[in-house]
N, C-alpha and C. Protein backbone atom coordinates (compact mmCIF):
# COMPACT_ATOMS: atom_id res chain seq x y z
N UNK A 1 8.03 10.58 -6.12
CA UNK A 1 7.84 10.12 -6.44
C UNK A 1 6.91 9.50 -5.24
N UNK A 2 7.80 9.06 -4.15
CA UNK A 2 6.49 8.63 -3.35
C UNK A 2 5.61 10.09 -2.68
N UNK A 3 6.49 11.06 -2.78
CA UNK A 3 5.12 11.92 -2.47
C UNK A 3 4.60 12.26 -3.50
N UNK A 4 4.53 11.82 -4.59
CA UNK A 4 3.15 11.97 -5.67
C UNK A 4 2.81 10.77 -5.51
N UNK A 5 2.72 9.63 -5.40
CA UNK A 5 1.85 8.27 -4.95
C UNK A 5 0.90 8.44 -3.79
N UNK A 6 1.64 9.05 -3.08
CA UNK A 6 0.87 9.42 -1.67
C UNK A 6 -0.41 10.57 -1.77
N UNK A 7 0.27 12.18 -2.37
CA UNK A 7 -0.76 12.80 -2.94
C UNK A 7 -1.51 12.42 -4.00
N UNK A 8 -1.61 11.79 -4.67
CA UNK A 8 -2.98 10.98 -5.54
C UNK A 8 -3.55 10.12 -4.33
N UNK A 9 -3.21 9.20 -3.78
CA UNK A 9 -3.83 8.42 -2.70
C UNK A 9 -4.87 9.04 -1.79
N UNK A 10 -4.32 10.34 -1.56
CA UNK A 10 -5.01 11.38 -0.60
C UNK A 10 -5.79 12.26 -0.73
N UNK A 11 -5.89 12.16 -2.85
CA UNK A 11 -6.65 13.16 -3.57
C UNK A 11 -8.28 12.45 -3.92
N UNK A 12 -7.87 10.72 -3.38
CA UNK A 12 -8.61 9.76 -3.69
C UNK A 12 -9.32 9.51 -2.93
N UNK A 13 -8.74 9.66 -1.95
CA UNK A 13 -9.88 9.42 0.06
C UNK A 13 -9.26 8.23 0.66
N UNK A 14 -8.19 7.67 -0.05
CA UNK A 14 -7.79 6.18 0.28
C UNK A 14 -6.55 6.35 1.32
N UNK A 15 -6.31 7.33 1.18
CA UNK A 15 -5.36 7.87 3.24
C UNK A 15 -5.50 9.13 3.23
N UNK A 16 -5.08 9.52 4.84
CA UNK A 16 -5.62 10.90 5.24
C UNK A 16 -4.29 11.63 5.71
N UNK A 17 -3.91 12.30 5.58
CA UNK A 17 -2.37 12.75 6.13
C UNK A 17 -2.49 13.99 7.13
N UNK A 18 -1.88 13.68 8.09
CA UNK A 18 -1.51 14.85 9.14
C UNK A 18 -0.46 15.29 9.41
N UNK A 19 -0.15 16.82 9.30
CA UNK A 19 1.02 17.26 9.28
C UNK A 19 0.55 17.99 11.09
N UNK A 20 2.16 17.06 11.16
CA UNK A 20 2.62 18.08 12.75
C UNK A 20 3.09 19.25 12.40
N UNK A 21 2.95 20.33 13.09
CA UNK A 21 3.41 21.78 13.33
C UNK A 21 4.91 21.28 14.40
N UNK A 22 5.86 20.71 13.93
CA UNK A 22 7.01 20.23 14.35
C UNK A 22 8.33 20.73 13.71
N UNK A 23 9.34 21.33 13.70
CA UNK A 23 10.70 20.99 12.83
C UNK A 23 11.76 19.69 14.12
N UNK A 24 12.26 19.02 13.31
CA UNK A 24 11.94 18.92 11.60
C UNK A 24 10.27 18.66 11.08
N UNK A 25 9.83 19.17 10.19
CA UNK A 25 8.47 19.23 10.21
C UNK A 25 8.02 16.99 9.93
N UNK A 26 6.80 16.60 10.55
CA UNK A 26 6.75 15.60 10.88
C UNK A 26 5.53 15.01 9.88
N UNK A 27 5.10 14.34 9.13
CA UNK A 27 3.53 14.02 8.62
C UNK A 27 3.22 12.28 8.82
N UNK A 28 2.59 12.53 9.05
CA UNK A 28 1.92 10.59 9.16
C UNK A 28 0.74 10.39 7.97
N UNK A 29 0.84 9.17 7.79
CA UNK A 29 -0.51 9.02 6.89
C UNK A 29 -1.21 7.78 7.52
N UNK A 30 -2.33 7.57 7.07
CA UNK A 30 -3.31 6.48 7.45
C UNK A 30 -4.10 6.20 6.67
N UNK A 31 -4.62 4.74 6.62
CA UNK A 31 -5.25 4.64 5.79
C UNK A 31 -7.13 4.98 6.04
N UNK A 32 -7.56 5.39 5.04
CA UNK A 32 -8.84 5.94 5.31
C UNK A 32 -10.23 4.41 5.41
N UNK A 33 -11.46 5.31 6.16
CA UNK A 33 -12.53 3.84 5.85
C UNK A 33 -12.62 3.37 4.61
N UNK A 34 -12.59 4.60 3.36
CA UNK A 34 -12.59 3.99 2.08
C UNK A 34 -11.49 3.37 1.38
N UNK A 35 -10.32 3.59 2.24
CA UNK A 35 -8.96 3.07 1.98
C UNK A 35 -9.20 1.29 2.29
N UNK A 36 -9.66 1.38 3.55
CA UNK A 36 -9.92 -0.12 3.82
C UNK A 36 -10.90 -1.22 2.84
N UNK A 37 -11.44 -0.66 2.33
CA UNK A 37 -12.88 -1.40 1.48
C UNK A 37 -11.67 -2.25 0.21
N UNK A 38 -10.49 -1.50 -0.42
CA UNK A 38 -9.56 -2.52 -0.91
C UNK A 38 -9.25 -3.59 -0.37
N UNK A 39 -8.68 -3.85 1.02
CA UNK A 39 -8.49 -4.72 1.72
C UNK A 39 -8.57 -5.94 1.09
N UNK A 40 -10.06 -6.62 0.78
CA UNK A 40 -10.44 -7.51 0.40
C UNK A 40 -9.50 -8.16 -1.01
N UNK A 41 -9.42 -7.14 -1.74
CA UNK A 41 -9.09 -7.42 -3.39
C UNK A 41 -7.55 -7.67 -3.01
N UNK A 42 -6.84 -6.84 -2.05
CA UNK A 42 -5.22 -7.48 -1.75
C UNK A 42 -5.17 -8.14 -1.25
N UNK A 43 -5.90 -9.15 -0.54
CA UNK A 43 -5.99 -10.13 -0.06
C UNK A 43 -6.44 -11.42 -1.13
N UNK A 44 -7.27 -10.95 -1.41
CA UNK A 44 -7.45 -12.03 -2.91
C UNK A 44 -6.40 -12.09 -4.11
N UNK A 45 -5.42 -11.01 -4.11
CA UNK A 45 -4.47 -11.18 -4.89
C UNK A 45 -3.53 -11.40 -4.56
N UNK A 46 -3.19 -11.63 -2.81
CA UNK A 46 -1.85 -12.20 -2.63
C UNK A 46 -2.14 -13.66 -2.26
N UNK A 47 -3.67 -14.09 -2.02
CA UNK A 47 -3.85 -15.79 -1.83
C UNK A 47 -3.31 -16.25 -3.46
N UNK A 48 -4.09 -15.37 -4.11
CA UNK A 48 -3.19 -16.12 -5.72
C UNK A 48 -2.07 -15.89 -5.70
N UNK A 49 -0.78 -15.01 -5.45
CA UNK A 49 -0.16 -15.22 -5.26
C UNK A 49 0.90 -16.29 -4.93
N UNK A 50 0.32 -16.47 -3.61
CA UNK A 50 0.96 -17.98 -2.67
C UNK A 50 0.60 -19.30 -3.64
N UNK A 51 -0.49 -19.27 -4.27
CA UNK A 51 -1.67 -20.18 -4.60
C UNK A 51 -0.29 -20.31 -6.06
N UNK A 52 -0.36 -19.76 -6.30
CA UNK A 52 0.51 -19.58 -8.20
C UNK A 52 2.07 -19.27 -8.01
N UNK A 53 2.42 -19.46 -7.03
CA UNK A 53 4.07 -19.44 -6.78
C UNK A 53 5.06 -20.49 -6.88
N UNK A 54 6.35 -20.45 -7.68
CA UNK A 54 6.82 -21.47 -7.91
C UNK A 54 8.43 -21.01 -7.90
N UNK A 55 8.84 -22.36 -7.56
CA UNK A 55 10.34 -21.58 -7.62
C UNK A 55 11.65 -22.39 -8.16
N UNK A 56 12.42 -21.75 -9.12
CA UNK A 56 13.58 -22.30 -9.97
C UNK A 56 14.30 -23.32 -9.23
N UNK A 57 15.70 -23.81 -9.41
CA UNK A 57 16.50 -24.42 -8.93
C UNK A 57 16.82 -23.61 -7.88
N UNK A 58 17.17 -22.35 -8.80
CA UNK A 58 18.28 -21.24 -7.09
C UNK A 58 17.24 -20.46 -6.02
N UNK A 59 15.88 -20.80 -6.26
CA UNK A 59 15.19 -20.50 -5.28
C UNK A 59 14.07 -18.82 -5.47
N UNK A 60 14.35 -19.04 -7.15
CA UNK A 60 14.06 -17.37 -7.51
C UNK A 60 12.80 -17.63 -7.72
N UNK A 61 11.65 -17.03 -7.29
CA UNK A 61 10.08 -17.11 -7.47
C UNK A 61 9.76 -17.50 -8.71
N UNK A 62 9.38 -17.72 -9.77
CA UNK A 62 8.73 -17.61 -11.03
C UNK A 62 7.33 -17.59 -10.60
N UNK A 63 6.40 -17.42 -11.30
CA UNK A 63 4.75 -17.81 -11.87
C UNK A 63 4.60 -18.42 -12.95
């Protein structure tokens, strides 16, 4: 499932993948310039979550 999601993000240009010819194989993923453009959206969602988060008596998060 993780591999599928990473391949979709790569196909959409949001991340880049570097494959190293080593044994065992090693792959690294990096956020692309296009991927960085989504950061303001993620920051806004994070801020919204912080502002709207509440806790019940047991300390569990509820919205």
